[in-house]
Amino acid sequence: MTKARPTPPVRRTTRLRHMLTEPGLEFLMEAHNGVSAKIVGEAGFQGLWASGLTMSASFGVRDNNELSWSQVVDQAGFMADAASIPILLDGDTGHGNFNNMRRFVRKLEQAGVAGVVIEDKQFPKLNSFLREERQPLAAMDEFCGKIQAGKDSQHDDDFVVIARVEALIAGWGMAEALRRAEAYWKAGADAILIHSKQPTPAEIFMFLDAWERRCPVVLVPTKYYTTPTADFRERKVSLVIWANHLLRASIVAMESTARRVKEEQTLINVEQEVATLREVFRLQGDHELEGAEARYLPTQSAARLSAVVLAAGAGGAFGGLTDDRPKAMLKVRGRTILGRLSDDFESFGCRQLTVVRGHQADAVQVGGATYVDNTDFAETGEAYSLSLAVDALKPGTLVSFGDIVLKRFIIHSVLEEAGPGLTIAVDSQFRSADYLDRVICDRAYTGRFELDATHLKAIGASVAGDPHGAWIGLLHAGQDGATWLREAIDECREEGTLGRARLADVLTRIMRSGRPIQVVYTHGGWINVNNTADLLHASAL
């Protein structure tokens, strides 16, 4: 049986043409770069207006062709990549004569633009809402030739060329506007955009009544914005463009934020009012890149090293040193414990550090880190803190307690032995009876080189007798191991045990499900800083 071929998607040029020619009123929202184009598409608009004014403003230049045609095409290309909806581009005067127009149209098609609007003013143009006496119009016959050149140059029959009539803007009157619209339509324009800067739609409606729907009409009600949309529908307008409002909204927001940060000299009061970095990354399409990396990069490169440090605890045995900071921010030889861990991980290629904060969270600062806050740190344990950073549990993640100081050879040993599962560092010399993470392995440390891996058999305070050592609070999660951790955390959450669970409990759950946890033995070279004596000992280390 022959499979039916999937129906190809309707081209963007065809969709824009349908918006112009089919019954009903359609709307385009302004965009000026890739991220605003994506926002327009996600808002549900069926097409967008690539505004010359707002593109120029986003570059910090004036709207009188100071932005070159090649820069316009480049920007439109980024917008077409970011959004799947049709783009109608503000082409000003076509950026020159008929020859410039021909090349302009071809380049717009190549960039993925669905149509262009050109206005009948002289090059270089001036924005329509500025200085009426400086709005000279192009000769009508010359502009008709420019329309014909654009239509003759397009390769896609559905690409749209719209003629923008500026006679009302320039004060040349209704008769001239109608005369020019008639000529441009006969020259091949797919639609007429009639423009006005009056605060009411009176002259626009006069034009529409006289025009009698000879061809589709496009409006830009920037100045007569109080007009009910029903009035446009009643007069059979094809397309309304909301021409500059995203850029104007962003200017207000940026000015307010800049003033506030300058006055207050802190980000505390604005951070909750701006988009999160995660939302920025989402709009940039990072999720697609992450999937592509997993598909196309070699396994070793795809599992890039990252780290999660659990630093929510306060620490109560430091004689007041942790009243205004967590113990992870105490200093050892002039550097904080957390800063040392960050440097240690970075030396092995870690470029993504996530820190779970809790006690005195604002005091936790380390360069380049992403922060997750455990506001319930006093009532919860390590597993709950890790659950808050579960999005950072990717293949190739180091998970560490935030109160350990260690020699880098331990990290190197763990990474050298790490596989697709979980690998933990165990100190064979540390066997304190009151330490909570004592371990039993399938064999004790022998002091000899072993070809076969050592695996964890039991971990936690319940380990009795003579343990084989202690877990130092450092593990590596490979491709499978990251999944095991996430699944075990979910199971604890479903059972209601997550809040007080330790990471040792999570590792025990993973072992009981039959998944092996590899052990790398070390012999000293680290300190778990739990009190002032440990802090002094760490300085000696």
Protein backbone atom coordinates (compact mmCIF):
# COMPACT_ATOMS: atom_id res chain seq x y z
CA MET A 1 0.00 0.00 0.00
CA THR A 2 1.42 3.36 -1.03
CA LYS A 3 1.74 5.88 1.76
CA ALA A 4 0.04 9.20 1.24
CA ARG A 5 2.51 12.03 0.92
CA PRO A 6 2.25 14.70 3.61
CA THR A 7 0.63 17.91 2.46
CA PRO A 8 3.34 20.55 2.04
CA PRO A 9 2.92 23.64 4.23
CA VAL A 10 1.35 26.68 2.61
CA ARG A 11 4.07 29.14 1.65
CA ARG A 12 4.32 32.35 3.60
CA THR A 13 3.87 34.38 0.43
CA THR A 14 0.61 32.55 -0.30
CA ARG A 15 -0.63 33.09 3.25
CA LEU A 16 0.03 36.82 3.04
CA ARG A 17 -1.72 37.05 -0.32
CA HIS A 18 -4.74 35.26 1.15
CA MET A 19 -4.79 37.75 4.03
CA LEU A 20 -5.09 40.52 1.45
CA THR A 21 -7.55 38.95 -0.96
CA GLU A 22 -9.89 36.77 1.10
CA PRO A 23 -12.96 38.29 2.80
CA GLY A 24 -12.52 39.59 6.32
CA LEU A 25 -10.16 41.92 8.17
CA GLU A 26 -6.66 40.75 9.08
CA PHE A 27 -4.04 42.32 11.34
CA LEU A 28 -0.25 42.64 11.30
CA MET A 29 1.77 43.50 14.40
CA GLU A 30 5.05 45.38 14.22
CA ALA A 31 8.36 43.64 14.87
CA HIS A 32 11.88 44.95 14.47
CA ASN A 33 14.20 42.03 15.22
CA GLY A 34 14.21 38.28 15.69
CA VAL A 35 12.98 38.17 19.29
CA SER A 36 10.12 40.61 18.68
CA ALA A 37 9.16 38.60 15.58
CA LYS A 38 8.95 35.44 17.67
CA ILE A 39 6.85 37.23 20.28
CA VAL A 40 4.42 38.40 17.57
CA GLY A 41 4.05 34.84 16.29
CA GLU A 42 3.53 33.39 19.77
CA ALA A 43 0.89 36.06 20.48
CA GLY A 44 -1.21 34.51 17.72
CA PHE A 45 -0.84 37.04 14.91
CA GLN A 46 -1.01 35.54 11.43
CA GLY A 47 1.54 37.95 10.01
CA LEU A 48 3.94 40.69 11.04
CA TRP A 49 4.98 44.12 9.87
CA ALA A 50 8.73 44.68 9.63
CA SER A 51 8.68 48.42 10.28
CA GLY A 52 11.31 50.70 8.82
CA LEU A 53 10.82 53.16 11.68
CA THR A 54 11.28 50.60 14.43
CA MET A 55 14.13 48.74 12.74
CA SER A 56 15.95 52.07 12.34
CA ALA A 57 15.21 53.01 15.95
CA SER A 58 16.46 49.65 17.22
CA PHE A 59 19.79 50.45 15.52
CA GLY A 60 19.74 53.97 16.99
CA VAL A 61 19.49 55.75 13.63
CA ARG A 62 16.84 57.95 12.01
CA ASP A 63 14.04 56.77 9.78
CA ASN A 64 15.24 58.40 6.57
CA ASN A 65 17.24 55.61 4.94
CA GLU A 66 20.17 55.85 7.31
CA LEU A 67 19.77 52.10 7.63
CA SER A 68 21.03 50.62 4.35
CA TRP A 69 18.92 48.27 2.26
CA SER A 70 21.35 45.41 2.92
CA GLN A 71 21.01 45.93 6.68
CA VAL A 72 17.23 45.91 6.29
CA VAL A 73 17.40 42.64 4.36
CA ASP A 74 19.72 41.09 6.95
CA GLN A 75 17.41 42.09 9.80
CA ALA A 76 14.38 40.77 7.92
CA GLY A 77 16.22 37.48 7.43
CA PHE A 78 16.70 37.10 11.19
CA MET A 79 13.00 37.83 11.68
CA ALA A 80 12.02 35.25 9.06
CA ASP A 81 14.19 32.67 10.82
CA ALA A 82 12.65 33.45 14.20
CA ALA A 83 8.98 33.40 13.17
CA SER A 84 7.10 31.14 10.76
CA ILE A 85 4.40 33.70 9.96
CA PRO A 86 4.48 35.88 6.82
CA ILE A 87 6.47 39.12 6.93
CA LEU A 88 5.32 42.27 5.14
CA LEU A 89 8.33 44.57 5.04
CA ASP A 90 8.38 48.35 5.08
CA GLY A 91 10.52 48.99 2.00
CA ASP A 92 10.49 52.80 2.21
CA THR A 93 10.99 54.08 -1.37
CA GLY A 94 12.57 50.86 -2.63
CA HIS A 95 16.00 52.25 -1.69
CA GLY A 96 16.64 53.94 -5.01
CA ASN A 97 15.30 53.80 -8.57
CA PHE A 98 13.75 50.91 -10.50
CA ASN A 99 17.07 49.06 -10.63
CA ASN A 100 17.54 49.18 -6.87
CA MET A 101 13.94 47.99 -6.55
CA ARG A 102 14.59 44.94 -8.72
CA ARG A 103 17.54 43.82 -6.62
CA PHE A 104 15.71 44.67 -3.39
CA VAL A 105 12.77 42.39 -4.26
CA ARG A 106 15.04 39.49 -5.22
CA LYS A 107 16.98 39.77 -1.96
CA LEU A 108 13.80 39.99 0.11
CA GLU A 109 12.51 36.78 -1.48
CA GLN A 110 15.81 35.07 -0.67
CA ALA A 111 15.54 36.24 2.96
CA GLY A 112 12.08 34.67 3.33
CA VAL A 113 10.02 37.89 3.27
CA ALA A 114 6.49 37.49 1.88
CA GLY A 115 5.87 41.01 0.61
CA VAL A 116 7.03 44.61 0.55
CA VAL A 117 5.41 48.03 0.82
CA ILE A 118 7.01 50.93 -1.08
CA GLU A 119 5.97 54.55 -0.72
CA ASP A 120 5.79 57.23 -3.39
CA LYS A 121 8.26 59.68 -1.87
CA GLN A 122 11.70 60.71 -3.00
CA PHE A 123 14.85 58.99 -1.80
CA PRO A 124 16.01 59.44 0.93
CA LYS A 125 12.61 59.49 2.59
CA LEU A 126 11.60 61.21 5.83
CA ASN A 127 9.22 59.61 8.30
CA SER A 128 5.63 60.46 7.44
CA PHE A 129 4.88 61.97 10.85
CA LEU A 130 7.66 64.57 10.61
CA ARG A 131 7.68 68.01 8.90
CA GLU A 132 4.97 68.15 6.25
CA GLU A 133 6.95 70.67 4.17
CA ARG A 134 9.76 68.11 3.81
CA GLN A 135 7.61 65.34 2.29
CA PRO A 136 8.29 65.66 -1.47
CA LEU A 137 6.54 63.00 -3.54
CA ALA A 138 8.07 61.02 -6.38
CA ALA A 139 6.84 61.56 -9.91
CA MET A 140 3.86 59.28 -10.45
CA ASP A 141 5.12 57.76 -13.71
CA GLU A 142 8.54 57.03 -12.19
CA PHE A 143 6.92 55.31 -9.22
CA CYS A 144 4.72 53.22 -11.51
CA GLY A 145 7.88 52.02 -13.24
CA LYS A 146 9.31 51.07 -9.88
CA ILE A 147 6.20 48.97 -9.12
CA GLN A 148 6.45 47.23 -12.49
CA ALA A 149 10.16 46.55 -11.96
CA GLY A 150 9.45 44.98 -8.59
CA LYS A 151 6.67 42.76 -9.93
CA ASP A 152 8.76 41.70 -12.94
CA SER A 153 11.67 40.75 -10.65
CA GLN A 154 9.85 38.44 -8.25
CA HIS A 155 10.27 34.69 -8.71
CA ASP A 156 7.36 33.69 -6.46
CA ASP A 157 4.05 34.63 -8.09
CA ASP A 158 2.48 35.15 -4.65
CA PHE A 159 5.08 37.65 -3.44
CA VAL A 160 3.20 40.87 -2.69
CA VAL A 161 4.14 44.41 -3.74
CA ILE A 162 1.97 47.06 -2.07
CA ALA A 163 1.99 50.71 -3.11
CA ARG A 164 1.84 53.22 -0.25
CA VAL A 165 0.15 56.49 -1.21
CA GLU A 166 1.56 59.49 0.68
CA ALA A 167 -0.49 62.25 -0.98
CA LEU A 168 -2.60 62.85 2.14
CA ILE A 169 0.52 62.91 4.33
CA ALA A 170 2.18 65.48 2.07
CA GLY A 171 -0.94 67.66 1.90
CA TRP A 172 -1.59 67.12 -1.81
CA GLY A 173 -5.28 66.37 -1.29
CA MET A 174 -7.82 63.62 -1.90
CA ALA A 175 -7.96 63.94 -5.67
CA GLU A 176 -4.21 63.40 -5.97
CA ALA A 177 -4.38 60.44 -3.59
CA LEU A 178 -7.07 58.76 -5.71
CA ARG A 179 -5.25 59.55 -8.95
CA ARG A 180 -2.04 58.00 -7.69
CA ALA A 181 -3.78 54.95 -6.21
CA GLU A 182 -5.48 54.28 -9.56
CA ALA A 183 -2.18 54.56 -11.44
CA TYR A 184 -0.31 52.30 -9.01
CA TRP A 185 -3.03 49.64 -9.13
CA LYS A 186 -2.93 49.62 -12.93
CA ALA A 187 0.88 49.40 -12.79
CA GLY A 188 0.57 46.06 -10.99
CA ALA A 189 0.43 46.82 -7.26
CA ASP A 190 -1.25 44.02 -5.32
CA ALA A 191 -2.81 46.44 -2.83
CA ILE A 192 -2.92 50.10 -1.86
CA LEU A 193 -1.80 51.39 1.52
CA ILE A 194 -3.41 54.77 2.10
CA HIS A 195 -1.75 56.75 4.89
CA SER A 196 -2.87 59.66 7.04
CA LYS A 197 -1.62 61.49 10.10
CA GLN A 198 -4.96 63.01 11.07
CA PRO A 199 -6.28 62.09 14.55
CA THR A 200 -9.59 60.92 13.05
CA PRO A 201 -10.23 58.55 10.13
CA ALA A 202 -12.40 61.03 8.23
CA GLU A 203 -10.14 61.47 5.19
CA ILE A 204 -9.30 57.75 5.16
CA PHE A 205 -13.00 56.90 5.06
CA MET A 206 -13.53 59.47 2.29
CA PHE A 207 -10.82 57.71 0.29
CA LEU A 208 -12.37 54.28 0.92
CA ASP A 209 -15.80 55.48 -0.18
CA ALA A 210 -14.40 56.92 -3.39
CA TRP A 211 -12.09 53.96 -4.04
CA GLU A 212 -15.00 51.49 -4.04
CA ARG A 213 -12.84 48.45 -3.32
CA ARG A 214 -11.04 48.38 -6.67
CA CYS A 215 -8.28 46.35 -4.98
CA PRO A 216 -7.30 45.44 -1.42
CA VAL A 217 -6.62 48.36 0.93
CA VAL A 218 -4.21 48.45 3.86
CA LEU A 219 -4.45 50.94 6.75
CA VAL A 220 -2.03 52.06 9.46
CA PRO A 221 -4.17 53.70 12.19
CA THR A 222 -1.26 54.99 14.30
CA LYS A 223 -2.76 58.48 14.64
CA TYR A 224 -6.46 57.60 14.49
CA TYR A 225 -6.07 54.73 16.93
CA THR A 226 -9.37 55.40 18.74
CA THR A 227 -11.34 54.30 15.68
CA PRO A 228 -13.41 51.17 16.43
CA THR A 229 -12.16 48.15 14.54
CA ALA A 230 -15.74 47.48 13.47
CA ASP A 231 -15.57 50.63 11.32
CA PHE A 232 -12.69 49.11 9.33
CA ARG A 233 -14.59 45.85 8.88
CA GLU A 234 -17.70 47.70 7.75
CA ARG A 235 -15.70 49.38 4.99
CA LYS A 236 -14.14 46.08 3.84
CA VAL A 237 -10.56 47.00 4.72
CA SER A 238 -8.30 44.02 4.03
CA LEU A 239 -5.40 44.59 6.40
CA VAL A 240 -4.69 46.79 9.43
CA ILE A 241 -1.10 47.29 10.61
CA TRP A 242 -0.26 48.02 14.25
CA ALA A 243 2.89 49.74 13.14
CA ASN A 244 5.27 50.53 16.01
CA HIS A 245 3.86 49.51 19.36
CA LEU A 246 6.23 46.75 20.43
CA LEU A 247 9.24 49.03 20.07
CA ARG A 248 7.46 51.88 21.85
CA ALA A 249 6.46 49.56 24.70
CA SER A 250 10.03 48.30 25.06
CA ILE A 251 11.38 51.88 25.20
CA VAL A 252 9.09 52.71 28.13
CA ALA A 253 10.13 49.55 29.95
CA MET A 254 13.86 50.06 29.32
CA GLU A 255 13.80 53.71 30.37
CA SER A 256 11.95 52.86 33.58
CA THR A 257 14.29 49.99 34.43
CA ALA A 258 17.44 51.99 33.69
CA ARG A 259 16.32 54.92 35.87
CA ARG A 260 15.33 52.63 38.70
CA VAL A 261 18.60 50.71 38.74
CA LYS A 262 20.57 53.97 38.55
CA GLU A 263 18.66 55.48 41.47
CA GLU A 264 18.53 52.41 43.70
CA GLN A 265 21.94 50.93 42.80
CA THR A 266 20.55 47.42 43.15
CA LEU A 267 18.68 44.88 41.02
CA ILE A 268 16.51 43.61 43.87
CA ASN A 269 13.41 45.63 42.99
CA VAL A 270 13.52 45.13 39.23
CA GLU A 271 14.50 41.48 38.96
CA GLN A 272 10.93 40.25 39.51
CA GLU A 273 9.56 42.71 36.94
CA VAL A 274 11.69 41.71 33.96
CA ALA A 275 11.75 38.57 31.86
CA THR A 276 13.78 35.73 33.31
CA LEU A 277 16.95 34.62 31.58
CA ARG A 278 15.23 31.30 31.01
CA GLU A 279 12.55 33.11 28.98
CA VAL A 280 15.26 34.87 26.97
CA PHE A 281 16.94 31.54 26.24
CA ARG A 282 13.57 30.03 25.29
CA LEU A 283 12.87 32.81 22.80
CA GLN A 284 16.35 32.31 21.38
CA GLY A 285 15.55 28.64 20.74
CA ASP A 286 18.08 27.11 23.11
CA HIS A 287 15.92 24.00 23.53
CA GLU A 288 16.27 23.20 19.82
CA LEU A 289 20.04 23.67 20.03
CA GLU A 290 20.24 21.36 23.02
CA GLY A 291 18.44 18.66 21.05
CA ALA A 292 20.69 19.22 18.04
CA GLU A 293 23.80 18.96 20.21
CA ALA A 294 22.63 15.59 21.51
CA ARG A 295 22.03 14.42 17.95
CA TYR A 296 25.06 15.75 16.10
CA LEU A 297 27.93 16.21 18.55
CA PRO A 298 30.11 13.27 19.61
CA THR A 299 28.95 11.69 22.86
CA GLN A 300 31.89 13.01 24.85
CA SER A 301 31.32 16.57 23.61
CA ALA A 302 27.54 16.40 23.99
CA ALA A 303 27.89 15.51 27.68
CA ARG A 304 29.51 18.80 28.59
CA LEU A 305 30.59 19.09 32.19
CA SER A 306 28.29 21.05 34.48
CA ALA A 307 27.91 21.18 38.24
CA VAL A 308 25.24 21.56 40.91
CA VAL A 309 26.40 22.66 44.37
CA LEU A 310 24.04 22.24 47.33
CA ALA A 311 24.77 25.24 49.55
CA ALA A 312 21.48 25.90 51.34
CA GLY A 313 22.53 24.95 54.86
CA ALA A 314 23.42 27.50 57.56
CA GLY A 315 25.83 25.61 59.78
CA GLY A 316 25.39 26.20 63.50
CA ALA A 317 28.78 25.32 64.99
CA PHE A 318 30.84 28.30 63.83
CA GLY A 319 30.54 30.69 66.76
CA GLY A 320 28.49 33.31 64.93
CA LEU A 321 30.50 33.22 61.68
CA THR A 322 27.42 32.02 59.78
CA ASP A 323 24.94 34.52 61.20
CA ASP A 324 25.08 36.63 58.02
CA ARG A 325 26.25 34.03 55.51
CA PRO A 326 26.00 30.27 54.85
CA LYS A 327 28.99 28.14 55.64
CA ALA A 328 29.70 27.74 51.90
CA MET A 329 30.72 31.41 51.95
CA LEU A 330 33.24 31.02 54.79
CA LYS A 331 36.80 31.57 53.69
CA VAL A 332 39.68 29.13 53.57
CA ARG A 333 43.01 30.86 52.96
CA GLY A 334 41.25 33.97 51.69
CA ARG A 335 38.83 32.23 49.30
CA THR A 336 35.31 31.07 50.01
CA ILE A 337 34.54 27.35 50.08
CA LEU A 338 32.04 27.84 47.26
CA GLY A 339 34.50 29.91 45.25
CA ARG A 340 37.09 27.16 45.58
CA LEU A 341 34.64 24.53 44.36
CA SER A 342 33.71 26.74 41.42
CA ASP A 343 37.36 27.19 40.46
CA ASP A 344 38.05 23.48 40.91
CA PHE A 345 35.18 22.47 38.60
CA GLU A 346 36.05 25.15 36.05
CA SER A 347 39.60 23.81 35.82
CA PHE A 348 38.13 20.58 34.40
CA GLY A 349 36.02 22.36 31.79
CA CYS A 350 32.83 23.04 33.76
CA ARG A 351 31.12 26.06 32.22
CA GLN A 352 27.69 25.81 33.85
CA LEU A 353 27.41 26.04 37.63
CA THR A 354 24.08 25.93 39.47
CA VAL A 355 24.07 26.79 43.18
CA VAL A 356 21.13 25.94 45.45
CA ARG A 357 20.96 28.67 48.10
CA GLY A 358 19.01 28.84 51.35
CA HIS A 359 20.32 30.47 54.54
CA GLN A 360 21.27 34.12 53.81
CA ALA A 361 20.80 33.51 50.09
CA ASP A 362 21.76 37.04 49.07
CA ALA A 363 25.23 36.50 50.56
CA VAL A 364 25.92 33.63 48.14
CA GLN A 365 27.90 35.05 45.25
CA VAL A 366 30.19 33.29 42.81
CA GLY A 367 31.03 34.39 39.29
CA GLY A 368 29.02 32.92 36.42
CA ALA A 369 26.67 30.85 38.57
CA THR A 370 22.94 30.29 38.20
CA TYR A 371 21.04 30.35 41.47
CA VAL A 372 18.09 28.32 42.72
CA ASP A 373 16.67 29.24 46.13
CA ASN A 374 15.42 26.72 48.70
CA THR A 375 13.27 28.91 50.90
CA ASP A 376 12.41 25.86 53.06
CA PHE A 377 16.05 25.02 53.76
CA ALA A 378 15.52 24.82 57.54
CA GLU A 379 12.93 22.03 57.20
CA THR A 380 14.29 20.14 54.19
CA GLY A 381 17.33 18.11 53.26
CA GLU A 382 19.81 17.65 50.45
CA ALA A 383 17.47 15.68 48.20
CA TYR A 384 14.86 18.44 48.28
CA SER A 385 17.51 21.04 47.42
CA LEU A 386 18.63 18.92 44.48
CA SER A 387 15.02 18.54 43.32
CA LEU A 388 14.78 22.32 42.96
CA ALA A 389 17.73 22.21 40.53
CA VAL A 390 16.49 19.15 38.64
CA ASP A 391 16.54 21.04 35.32
CA ALA A 392 20.32 21.32 35.71
CA LEU A 393 20.70 17.54 36.09
CA LYS A 394 21.98 16.82 32.61
CA PRO A 395 24.39 14.16 31.34
CA GLY A 396 27.84 15.12 32.60
CA THR A 397 26.82 16.83 35.84
CA LEU A 398 28.90 16.91 39.02
CA VAL A 399 26.77 17.14 42.18
CA SER A 400 28.57 18.37 45.28
CA PHE A 401 27.84 19.39 48.84
CA GLY A 402 28.64 23.06 49.35
CA ASP A 403 30.73 22.56 52.51
CA ILE A 404 33.63 20.45 51.24
CA VAL A 405 37.18 21.53 50.50
CA LEU A 406 39.13 19.04 48.42
CA LYS A 407 42.20 18.45 46.35
CA ARG A 408 41.62 18.49 42.60
CA PHE A 409 43.00 14.98 42.09
CA ILE A 410 39.75 13.66 43.58
CA ILE A 411 37.68 15.37 40.87
CA HIS A 412 40.10 14.11 38.25
CA SER A 413 39.75 10.54 39.52
CA VAL A 414 35.96 10.69 39.43
CA LEU A 415 35.87 12.13 35.90
CA GLU A 416 38.46 9.64 34.65
CA GLU A 417 36.36 6.68 35.83
CA ALA A 418 32.92 8.16 35.15
CA GLY A 419 30.61 6.19 32.88
CA PRO A 420 26.99 6.54 31.78
CA GLY A 421 25.67 5.81 35.28
CA LEU A 422 26.55 7.31 38.67
CA THR A 423 30.07 7.55 40.07
CA ILE A 424 30.79 8.63 43.65
CA ALA A 425 34.02 9.47 45.50
CA VAL A 426 34.61 7.45 48.68
CA ASP A 427 37.42 8.13 51.18
CA SER A 428 38.72 4.76 52.35
CA GLN A 429 40.52 6.38 55.31
CA PHE A 430 37.48 8.17 56.76
CA ARG A 431 35.48 5.86 59.06
CA SER A 432 34.07 8.12 61.77
CA ALA A 433 31.23 6.40 63.61
CA ASP A 434 29.09 9.57 63.70
CA TYR A 435 29.49 10.41 60.01
CA LEU A 436 26.16 10.04 58.21
CA ASP A 437 27.42 8.84 54.83
CA ARG A 438 29.38 5.70 55.71
CA VAL A 439 29.51 3.17 52.88
CA ILE A 440 29.87 -0.54 52.20
CA CYS A 441 31.16 -1.53 48.76
CA ASP A 442 31.44 -4.86 46.98
CA ARG A 443 35.11 -4.84 47.95
CA ALA A 444 37.32 -2.81 50.25
CA TYR A 445 40.18 -0.70 49.03
CA THR A 446 43.13 -3.04 48.43
CA GLY A 447 45.86 -0.57 47.51
CA ARG A 448 46.34 -2.43 44.22
CA PHE A 449 45.34 -1.47 40.71
CA GLU A 450 41.99 -3.08 39.92
CA LEU A 451 40.66 -3.68 36.43
CA ASP A 452 37.11 -4.28 37.59
CA ALA A 453 35.03 -1.39 38.91
CA THR A 454 34.04 -1.16 42.56
CA HIS A 455 30.33 -0.70 43.28
CA LEU A 456 28.33 0.66 46.18
CA LYS A 457 26.37 -1.83 48.29
CA ALA A 458 25.09 0.33 51.17
CA ILE A 459 25.28 3.97 52.24
CA GLY A 460 24.03 6.06 55.14
CA ALA A 461 23.92 6.31 58.90
CA SER A 462 22.50 2.77 59.16
CA VAL A 463 25.75 1.23 57.90
CA ALA A 464 27.11 -0.70 60.90
CA GLY A 465 30.29 -2.55 61.70
CA ASP A 466 33.46 -1.72 59.81
CA PRO A 467 32.58 0.45 56.77
CA HIS A 468 34.79 0.59 53.74
CA GLY A 469 34.93 4.39 53.96
CA ALA A 470 32.72 7.46 53.61
CA TRP A 471 31.14 9.23 50.69
CA ILE A 472 32.70 12.69 50.55
CA GLY A 473 29.65 14.41 49.03
CA LEU A 474 30.76 14.42 45.37
CA LEU A 475 29.23 12.41 42.52
CA HIS A 476 29.13 12.43 38.74
CA ALA A 477 25.94 11.72 36.77
CA GLY A 478 26.31 10.38 33.25
CA GLN A 479 23.61 9.97 30.60
CA ASP A 480 21.79 7.25 32.56
CA GLY A 481 22.77 8.49 35.99
CA ALA A 482 21.09 11.88 35.49
CA THR A 483 17.88 10.05 34.57
CA TRP A 484 18.17 7.77 37.61
CA LEU A 485 18.52 10.74 39.95
CA ARG A 486 15.51 12.51 38.44
CA GLU A 487 13.37 9.36 38.66
CA ALA A 488 14.37 8.64 42.26
CA ILE A 489 13.58 12.23 43.26
CA ASP A 490 10.16 11.93 41.61
CA GLU A 491 9.48 8.70 43.51
CA CYS A 492 10.39 10.36 46.82
CA ARG A 493 8.10 13.25 45.97
CA GLU A 494 5.20 10.91 45.19
CA GLU A 495 5.74 9.05 48.46
CA GLY A 496 5.93 12.26 50.47
CA THR A 497 9.46 11.53 51.73
CA LEU A 498 11.35 14.07 49.64
CA GLY A 499 11.33 16.90 52.17
CA ARG A 500 13.58 15.24 54.75
CA ALA A 501 15.47 12.85 52.47
CA ARG A 502 19.23 12.94 52.22
CA LEU A 503 21.11 12.24 49.01
CA ALA A 504 22.25 8.98 50.58
CA ASP A 505 18.57 7.96 50.68
CA VAL A 506 18.22 8.75 46.99
CA LEU A 507 21.33 6.70 46.16
CA THR A 508 19.98 3.80 48.24
CA ARG A 509 16.73 3.90 46.28
CA ILE A 510 18.66 3.78 43.01
CA MET A 511 20.71 0.78 44.17
CA ARG A 512 17.60 -1.10 45.28
CA SER A 513 16.16 -0.71 41.79
CA GLY A 514 19.13 -2.74 40.50
CA ARG A 515 21.13 0.13 39.03
CA PRO A 516 24.87 0.01 39.81
CA ILE A 517 26.64 2.95 41.42
CA GLN A 518 30.37 2.99 40.75
CA VAL A 519 32.83 3.89 43.52
CA VAL A 520 36.16 5.67 43.08
CA TYR A 521 38.34 5.33 46.18
CA THR A 522 40.37 8.25 47.45
CA HIS A 523 42.57 8.41 50.51
CA GLY A 524 42.24 11.73 52.30
CA GLY A 525 42.65 15.00 50.44
CA TRP A 526 39.34 16.56 51.51
CA ILE A 527 37.57 18.12 54.49
CA ASN A 528 33.87 18.29 55.30
CA VAL A 529 33.62 21.71 57.02
CA ASN A 530 31.05 21.35 59.81
CA ASN A 531 32.60 23.49 62.58
CA THR A 532 35.41 25.91 63.33
CA ALA A 533 37.87 23.06 63.91
CA ASP A 534 37.12 21.75 60.41
CA LEU A 535 37.60 25.27 59.04
CA LEU A 536 41.07 25.45 60.56
CA HIS A 537 41.85 21.94 59.32
CA ALA A 538 40.76 22.91 55.80
CA SER A 539 43.22 25.81 55.85
CA ALA A 540 45.99 23.31 56.62
CA LEU A 541 44.82 21.08 53.75
